[in-house]
Amino acid sequence: MIVNRYLQELCSAYAAEAIDRRTYIRERRRLIDGAIADLTLAPPNIPEAFKPDATVIDLDATIELPRAPATDSQGGGSGS
């Protein structure tokens, strides 16, 4: 459904701070109301400069976090 794609674009633009909260709410309401009324919808009003260039993200990139050295200060040794 095209409304889902429009809503995803709108959410992405809001998350990227490309549009303000008022515009986000107004456009979201327009899209949902139009979908309920079964109207032909125009895409959300998002400035061209903020549309994403790609939709694929690099999931292979990892971050190595430093690990704290293991210590035996927990009192769980072989004490008698």
PDB file of N, CA and C in Angstrom:
ATOM      1  N   MET A   1       0.848  -1.172   0.000  1.00  0.00           N
ATOM      2  CA  MET A   1       0.000   0.000   0.000  1.00  0.00           C
ATOM      3  C   MET A   1       0.896   1.238   0.000  1.00  0.00           C
ATOM      4  N   ILE A   2       0.554   2.173  -0.821  1.00  0.00           N
ATOM      5  CA  ILE A   2       1.395   3.359  -0.990  1.00  0.00           C
ATOM      6  C   ILE A   2       1.379   4.245   0.258  1.00  0.00           C
ATOM      7  N   VAL A   3       0.301   4.197   1.033  1.00  0.00           N
ATOM      8  CA  VAL A   3       0.223   5.004   2.252  1.00  0.00           C
ATOM      9  C   VAL A   3       1.310   4.588   3.232  1.00  0.00           C
ATOM     10  N   ASN A   4       1.575   3.292   3.327  1.00  0.00           N
ATOM     11  CA  ASN A   4       2.633   2.816   4.225  1.00  0.00           C
ATOM     12  C   ASN A   4       3.976   3.413   3.841  1.00  0.00           C
ATOM     13  N   ARG A   5       4.263   3.442   2.541  1.00  0.00           N
ATOM     14  CA  ARG A   5       5.535   4.002   2.090  1.00  0.00           C
ATOM     15  C   ARG A   5       5.605   5.489   2.408  1.00  0.00           C
ATOM     16  N   TYR A   6       4.507   6.208   2.176  1.00  0.00           N
ATOM     17  CA  TYR A   6       4.475   7.634   2.486  1.00  0.00           C
ATOM     18  C   TYR A   6       4.674   7.873   3.986  1.00  0.00           C
ATOM     19  N   LEU A   7       4.051   7.043   4.813  1.00  0.00           N
ATOM     20  CA  LEU A   7       4.216   7.192   6.260  1.00  0.00           C
ATOM     21  C   LEU A   7       5.646   6.887   6.690  1.00  0.00           C
ATOM     22  N   GLN A   8       6.276   5.895   6.065  1.00  0.00           N
ATOM     23  CA  GLN A   8       7.672   5.584   6.379  1.00  0.00           C
ATOM     24  C   GLN A   8       8.582   6.745   5.999  1.00  0.00           C
ATOM     25  N   GLU A   9       8.352   7.336   4.827  1.00  0.00           N
ATOM     26  CA  GLU A   9       9.150   8.495   4.412  1.00  0.00           C
ATOM     27  C   GLU A   9       8.959   9.649   5.388  1.00  0.00           C
ATOM     28  N   LEU A  10       7.729   9.852   5.805  1.00  0.00           N
ATOM     29  CA  LEU A  10       7.427  10.930   6.734  1.00  0.00           C
ATOM     30  C   LEU A  10       8.111  10.702   8.079  1.00  0.00           C
ATOM     31  N   CYS A  11       8.042   9.484   8.594  1.00  0.00           N
ATOM     32  CA  CYS A  11       8.696   9.155   9.868  1.00  0.00           C
ATOM     33  C   CYS A  11      10.208   9.307   9.772  1.00  0.00           C
ATOM     34  N   SER A  12      10.778   8.883   8.657  1.00  0.00           N
ATOM     35  CA  SER A  12      12.227   9.019   8.464  1.00  0.00           C
ATOM     36  C   SER A  12      12.634  10.481   8.436  1.00  0.00           C
ATOM     37  N   ALA A  13      11.847  11.306   7.764  1.00  0.00           N
ATOM     38  CA  ALA A  13      12.159  12.734   7.693  1.00  0.00           C
ATOM     39  C   ALA A  13      12.066  13.377   9.072  1.00  0.00           C
ATOM     40  N   TYR A  14      11.086  12.979   9.852  1.00  0.00           N
ATOM     41  CA  TYR A  14      10.946  13.535  11.203  1.00  0.00           C
ATOM     42  C   TYR A  14      12.088  13.069  12.103  1.00  0.00           C
ATOM     43  N   ALA A  15      12.461  11.804  11.993  1.00  0.00           N
ATOM     44  CA  ALA A  15      13.560  11.272  12.801  1.00  0.00           C
ATOM     45  C   ALA A  15      14.883  11.935  12.445  1.00  0.00           C
ATOM     46  N   ALA A  16      15.052  12.285  11.181  1.00  0.00           N
ATOM     47  CA  ALA A  16      16.279  12.950  10.735  1.00  0.00           C
ATOM     48  C   ALA A  16      16.215  14.460  10.954  1.00  0.00           C
ATOM     49  N   GLU A  17      15.140  14.920  11.594  1.00  0.00           N
ATOM     50  CA  GLU A  17      14.924  16.340  11.875  1.00  0.00           C
ATOM     51  C   GLU A  17      14.869  17.177  10.612  1.00  0.00           C
ATOM     52  N   ALA A  18      14.371  16.578   9.526  1.00  0.00           N
ATOM     53  CA  ALA A  18      14.211  17.300   8.269  1.00  0.00           C
ATOM     54  C   ALA A  18      12.930  18.128   8.281  1.00  0.00           C
ATOM     55  N   ILE A  19      11.973  17.722   9.104  1.00  0.00           N
ATOM     56  CA  ILE A  19      10.729  18.470   9.250  1.00  0.00           C
ATOM     57  C   ILE A  19      10.454  18.645  10.736  1.00  0.00           C
ATOM     58  N   ASP A  20       9.688  19.680  11.043  1.00  0.00           N
ATOM     59  CA  ASP A  20       9.378  19.926  12.450  1.00  0.00           C
ATOM     60  C   ASP A  20       8.173  19.100  12.894  1.00  0.00           C
ATOM     61  N   ARG A  21       7.915  19.124  14.185  1.00  0.00           N
ATOM     62  CA  ARG A  21       6.853  18.295  14.761  1.00  0.00           C
ATOM     63  C   ARG A  21       5.488  18.665  14.207  1.00  0.00           C
ATOM     64  N   ARG A  22       5.227  19.949  14.040  1.00  0.00           N
ATOM     65  CA  ARG A  22       3.929  20.405  13.528  1.00  0.00           C
ATOM     66  C   ARG A  22       3.684  19.889  12.112  1.00  0.00           C
ATOM     67  N   THR A  23       4.697  19.974  11.260  1.00  0.00           N
ATOM     68  CA  THR A  23       4.570  19.467   9.890  1.00  0.00           C
ATOM     69  C   THR A  23       4.369  17.962   9.901  1.00  0.00           C
ATOM     70  N   TYR A  24       5.117  17.266  10.751  1.00  0.00           N
ATOM     71  CA  TYR A  24       4.985  15.812  10.849  1.00  0.00           C
ATOM     72  C   TYR A  24       3.558  15.420  11.223  1.00  0.00           C
ATOM     73  N   ILE A  25       3.005  16.056  12.242  1.00  0.00           N
ATOM     74  CA  ILE A  25       1.656  15.721  12.696  1.00  0.00           C
ATOM     75  C   ILE A  25       0.624  16.054  11.622  1.00  0.00           C
ATOM     76  N   ARG A  26       0.751  17.222  11.008  1.00  0.00           N
ATOM     77  CA  ARG A  26      -0.200  17.630   9.968  1.00  0.00           C
ATOM     78  C   ARG A  26      -0.180  16.669   8.783  1.00  0.00           C
ATOM     79  N   GLU A  27       1.016  16.320   8.312  1.00  0.00           N
ATOM     80  CA  GLU A  27       1.131  15.412   7.168  1.00  0.00           C
ATOM     81  C   GLU A  27       0.668  14.002   7.528  1.00  0.00           C
ATOM     82  N   ARG A  28       1.001  13.532   8.722  1.00  0.00           N
ATOM     83  CA  ARG A  28       0.563  12.201   9.148  1.00  0.00           C
ATOM     84  C   ARG A  28      -0.956  12.133   9.212  1.00  0.00           C
ATOM     85  N   ARG A  29      -1.562  13.155   9.768  1.00  0.00           N
ATOM     86  CA  ARG A  29      -3.024  13.200   9.857  1.00  0.00           C
ATOM     87  C   ARG A  29      -3.650  13.222   8.463  1.00  0.00           C
ATOM     88  N   ARG A  30      -3.058  13.996   7.553  1.00  0.00           N
ATOM     89  CA  ARG A  30      -3.576  14.068   6.187  1.00  0.00           C
ATOM     90  C   ARG A  30      -3.503  12.704   5.504  1.00  0.00           C
ATOM     91  N   LEU A  31      -2.379  12.006   5.673  1.00  0.00           N
ATOM     92  CA  LEU A  31      -2.216  10.691   5.051  1.00  0.00           C
ATOM     93  C   LEU A  31      -3.196   9.667   5.618  1.00  0.00           C
ATOM     94  N   ILE A  32      -3.343   9.656   6.927  1.00  0.00           N
ATOM     95  CA  ILE A  32      -4.246   8.685   7.551  1.00  0.00           C
ATOM     96  C   ILE A  32      -5.695   8.990   7.195  1.00  0.00           C
ATOM     97  N   ASP A  33      -6.089  10.264   7.260  1.00  0.00           N
ATOM     98  CA  ASP A  33      -7.461  10.633   6.894  1.00  0.00           C
ATOM     99  C   ASP A  33      -7.751  10.295   5.440  1.00  0.00           C
ATOM    100  N   GLY A  34      -6.789  10.536   4.572  1.00  0.00           N
ATOM    101  CA  GLY A  34      -6.972  10.215   3.156  1.00  0.00           C
ATOM    102  C   GLY A  34      -7.092   8.726   2.913  1.00  0.00           C
ATOM    103  N   ALA A  35      -6.330   7.940   3.655  1.00  0.00           N
ATOM    104  CA  ALA A  35      -6.396   6.484   3.499  1.00  0.00           C
ATOM    105  C   ALA A  35      -7.745   5.955   3.970  1.00  0.00           C
ATOM    106  N   ILE A  36      -8.253   6.502   5.071  1.00  0.00           N
ATOM    107  CA  ILE A  36      -9.554   6.070   5.595  1.00  0.00           C
ATOM    108  C   ILE A  36     -10.665   6.450   4.614  1.00  0.00           C
ATOM    109  N   ALA A  37     -10.569   7.640   4.026  1.00  0.00           N
ATOM    110  CA  ALA A  37     -11.592   8.109   3.090  1.00  0.00           C
ATOM    111  C   ALA A  37     -11.390   7.533   1.692  1.00  0.00           C
ATOM    112  N   ASP A  38     -10.340   6.731   1.509  1.00  0.00           N
ATOM    113  CA  ASP A  38     -10.026   6.103   0.225  1.00  0.00           C
ATOM    114  C   ASP A  38      -9.809   7.144  -0.873  1.00  0.00           C
ATOM    115  N   LEU A  39      -9.053   8.182  -0.538  1.00  0.00           N
ATOM    116  CA  LEU A  39      -8.725   9.233  -1.495  1.00  0.00           C
ATOM    117  C   LEU A  39      -7.394   8.936  -2.164  1.00  0.00           C
ATOM    118  N   THR A  40      -7.182   9.525  -3.330  1.00  0.00           N
ATOM    119  CA  THR A  40      -5.878   9.448  -3.977  1.00  0.00           C
ATOM    120  C   THR A  40      -4.969  10.435  -3.253  1.00  0.00           C
ATOM    121  N   LEU A  41      -3.867   9.938  -2.732  1.00  0.00           N
ATOM    122  CA  LEU A  41      -3.009  10.755  -1.881  1.00  0.00           C
ATOM    123  C   LEU A  41      -1.773  11.240  -2.612  1.00  0.00           C
ATOM    124  N   ALA A  42      -1.379  12.451  -2.279  1.00  0.00           N
ATOM    125  CA  ALA A  42      -0.109  12.987  -2.755  1.00  0.00           C
ATOM    126  C   ALA A  42       0.951  12.588  -1.740  1.00  0.00           C
ATOM    127  N   PRO A  43       2.213  12.481  -2.160  1.00  0.00           N
ATOM    128  CA  PRO A  43       3.269  12.145  -1.201  1.00  0.00           C
ATOM    129  C   PRO A  43       3.390  13.227  -0.128  1.00  0.00           C
ATOM    130  N   PRO A  44       3.985  12.883   1.016  1.00  0.00           N
ATOM    131  CA  PRO A  44       4.134  13.874   2.084  1.00  0.00           C
ATOM    132  C   PRO A  44       5.016  15.034   1.643  1.00  0.00           C
ATOM    133  N   ASN A  45       4.786  16.171   2.253  1.00  0.00           N
ATOM    134  CA  ASN A  45       5.529  17.381   1.912  1.00  0.00           C
ATOM    135  C   ASN A  45       6.867  17.377   2.645  1.00  0.00           C
ATOM    136  N   ILE A  46       7.882  16.760   2.015  1.00  0.00           N
ATOM    137  CA  ILE A  46       9.225  16.674   2.582  1.00  0.00           C
ATOM    138  C   ILE A  46      10.170  17.391   1.619  1.00  0.00           C
ATOM    139  N   PRO A  47      10.978  18.317   2.120  1.00  0.00           N
ATOM    140  CA  PRO A  47      11.923  18.995   1.225  1.00  0.00           C
ATOM    141  C   PRO A  47      12.847  17.997   0.536  1.00  0.00           C
ATOM    142  N   GLU A  48      13.128  18.218  -0.734  1.00  0.00           N
ATOM    143  CA  GLU A  48      13.961  17.304  -1.529  1.00  0.00           C
ATOM    144  C   GLU A  48      15.344  17.099  -0.924  1.00  0.00           C
ATOM    145  N   ALA A  49      15.901  18.125  -0.324  1.00  0.00           N
ATOM    146  CA  ALA A  49      17.262  18.026   0.206  1.00  0.00           C
ATOM    147  C   ALA A  49      17.375  16.988   1.315  1.00  0.00           C
ATOM    148  N   PHE A  50      16.274  16.632   1.940  1.00  0.00           N
ATOM    149  CA  PHE A  50      16.334  15.726   3.075  1.00  0.00           C
ATOM    150  C   PHE A  50      15.881  14.311   2.761  1.00  0.00           C
ATOM    151  N   LYS A  51      15.519  14.024   1.523  1.00  0.00           N
ATOM    152  CA  LYS A  51      15.149  12.653   1.180  1.00  0.00           C
ATOM    153  C   LYS A  51      16.400  11.791   1.206  1.00  0.00           C
ATOM    154  N   PRO A  52      16.307  10.584   1.761  1.00  0.00           N
ATOM    155  CA  PRO A  52      17.495   9.733   1.856  1.00  0.00           C
ATOM    156  C   PRO A  52      17.997   9.302   0.485  1.00  0.00           C
ATOM    157  N   ASP A  53      19.334   9.223   0.352  1.00  0.00           N
ATOM    158  CA  ASP A  53      19.946   8.787  -0.900  1.00  0.00           C
ATOM    159  C   ASP A  53      19.838   7.284  -1.065  1.00  0.00           C
ATOM    160  N   ALA A  54      19.899   6.558   0.019  1.00  0.00           N
ATOM    161  CA  ALA A  54      19.860   5.095  -0.042  1.00  0.00           C
ATOM    162  C   ALA A  54      18.995   4.577   1.099  1.00  0.00           C
ATOM    163  N   THR A  55      18.421   3.416   0.880  1.00  0.00           N
ATOM    164  CA  THR A  55      17.593   2.827   1.923  1.00  0.00           C
ATOM    165  C   THR A  55      18.262   1.622   2.561  1.00  0.00           C
ATOM    166  N   VAL A  56      19.430   1.252   2.071  1.00  0.00           N
ATOM    167  CA  VAL A  56      20.141   0.093   2.599  1.00  0.00           C
ATOM    168  C   VAL A  56      21.203   0.586   3.578  1.00  0.00           C
ATOM    169  N   ILE A  57      21.271  -0.052   4.738  1.00  0.00           N
ATOM    170  CA  ILE A  57      22.303   0.308   5.702  1.00  0.00           C
ATOM    171  C   ILE A  57      23.304  -0.828   5.806  1.00  0.00           C
ATOM    172  N   ASP A  58      24.503  -0.496   6.233  1.00  0.00           N
ATOM    173  CA  ASP A  58      25.569  -1.485   6.354  1.00  0.00           C
ATOM    174  C   ASP A  58      25.445  -2.188   7.699  1.00  0.00           C
ATOM    175  N   LEU A  59      24.899  -3.391   7.669  1.00  0.00           N
ATOM    176  CA  LEU A  59      24.730  -4.144   8.906  1.00  0.00           C
ATOM    177  C   LEU A  59      25.974  -4.934   9.276  1.00  0.00           C
ATOM    178  N   ASP A  60      26.978  -4.981   8.385  1.00  0.00           N
ATOM    179  CA  ASP A  60      28.193  -5.728   8.668  1.00  0.00           C
ATOM    180  C   ASP A  60      29.170  -4.934   9.530  1.00  0.00           C
ATOM    181  N   ALA A  61      28.961  -3.645   9.644  1.00  0.00           N
ATOM    182  CA  ALA A  61      29.857  -2.825  10.450  1.00  0.00           C
ATOM    183  C   ALA A  61      29.618  -3.130  11.929  1.00  0.00           C
ATOM    184  N   THR A  62      30.683  -3.398  12.644  1.00  0.00           N
ATOM    185  CA  THR A  62      30.569  -3.692  14.066  1.00  0.00           C
ATOM    186  C   THR A  62      31.475  -2.767  14.856  1.00  0.00           C
ATOM    187  N   ILE A  63      31.159  -2.623  16.103  1.00  0.00           N
ATOM    188  CA  ILE A  63      31.968  -1.808  17.002  1.00  0.00           C
ATOM    189  C   ILE A  63      32.488  -2.725  18.095  1.00  0.00           C
ATOM    190  N   GLU A  64      33.788  -2.691  18.316  1.00  0.00           N
ATOM    191  CA  GLU A  64      34.366  -3.494  19.390  1.00  0.00           C
ATOM    192  C   GLU A  64      34.435  -2.645  20.644  1.00  0.00           C
ATOM    193  N   LEU A  65      33.824  -3.135  21.696  1.00  0.00           N
ATOM    194  CA  LEU A  65      33.841  -2.436  22.967  1.00  0.00           C
ATOM    195  C   LEU A  65      34.940  -3.013  23.843  1.00  0.00           C
ATOM    196  N   PRO A  66      35.651  -2.159  24.580  1.00  0.00           N
ATOM    197  CA  PRO A  66      36.698  -2.676  25.460  1.00  0.00           C
ATOM    198  C   PRO A  66      36.076  -3.475  26.596  1.00  0.00           C
ATOM    199  N   ARG A  67      36.739  -4.536  26.964  1.00  0.00           N
ATOM    200  CA  ARG A  67      36.260  -5.374  28.062  1.00  0.00           C
ATOM    201  C   ARG A  67      37.110  -5.123  29.294  1.00  0.00           C
ATOM    202  N   ALA A  68      36.454  -5.120  30.424  1.00  0.00           N
ATOM    203  CA  ALA A  68      37.173  -4.949  31.684  1.00  0.00           C
ATOM    204  C   ALA A  68      37.897  -6.251  31.998  1.00  0.00           C
ATOM    205  N   PRO A  69      39.106  -6.173  32.553  1.00  0.00           N
ATOM    206  CA  PRO A  69      39.819  -7.406  32.902  1.00  0.00           C
ATOM    207  C   PRO A  69      39.046  -8.194  33.953  1.00  0.00           C
ATOM    208  N   ALA A  70      39.060  -9.502  33.802  1.00  0.00           N
ATOM    209  CA  ALA A  70      38.356 -10.373  34.746  1.00  0.00           C
ATOM    210  C   ALA A  70      39.102 -10.387  36.072  1.00  0.00           C
ATOM    211  N   THR A  71      38.372 -10.218  37.156  1.00  0.00           N
ATOM    212  CA  THR A  71      38.974 -10.256  38.494  1.00  0.00           C
ATOM    213  C   THR A  71      38.251 -11.300  39.326  1.00  0.00           C
ATOM    214  N   ASP A  72      38.941 -11.815  40.311  1.00  0.00           N
ATOM    215  CA  ASP A  72      38.364 -12.828  41.188  1.00  0.00           C
ATOM    216  C   ASP A  72      37.989 -12.190  42.524  1.00  0.00           C
ATOM    217  N   SER A  73      37.447 -10.994  42.491  1.00  0.00           N
ATOM    218  CA  SER A  73      37.102 -10.295  43.726  1.00  0.00           C
ATOM    219  C   SER A  73      35.651 -10.535  44.123  1.00  0.00           C
ATOM    220  N   GLN A  74      34.986 -11.459  43.473  1.00  0.00           N
ATOM    221  CA  GLN A  74      33.588 -11.733  43.769  1.00  0.00           C
ATOM    222  C   GLN A  74      33.416 -12.649  44.971  1.00  0.00           C
ATOM    223  N   GLY A  75      34.492 -13.225  45.476  1.00  0.00           N
ATOM    224  CA  GLY A  75      34.401 -14.098  46.636  1.00  0.00           C
ATOM    225  C   GLY A  75      33.920 -15.490  46.287  1.00  0.00           C
ATOM    226  N   GLY A  76      33.953 -15.850  45.043  1.00  0.00           N
ATOM    227  CA  GLY A  76      33.467 -17.150  44.624  1.00  0.00           C
ATOM    228  C   GLY A  76      34.593 -18.135  44.426  1.00  0.00           C
ATOM    229  N   GLY A  77      35.707 -17.971  45.108  1.00  0.00           N
ATOM    230  CA  GLY A  77      36.868 -18.854  44.949  1.00  0.00           C
ATOM    231  C   GLY A  77      36.654 -20.192  45.625  1.00  0.00           C
ATOM    232  N   SER A  78      37.729 -20.938  45.810  1.00  0.00           N
ATOM    233  CA  SER A  78      37.641 -22.274  46.418  1.00  0.00           C
ATOM    234  C   SER A  78      37.959 -22.218  47.911  1.00  0.00           C
ATOM    235  N   GLY A  79      37.558 -21.157  48.562  1.00  0.00           N
ATOM    236  CA  GLY A  79      37.863 -20.983  49.986  1.00  0.00           C
ATOM    237  C   GLY A  79      37.254 -22.062  50.854  1.00  0.00           C
ATOM    238  N   SER A  80      37.827 -22.261  52.038  1.00  0.00           N
ATOM    239  CA  SER A  80      37.328 -23.318  52.918  1.00  0.00           C
ATOM    240  C   SER A  80      36.535 -22.799  54.069  1.00  0.00           C
TER     241      SER A  80
END
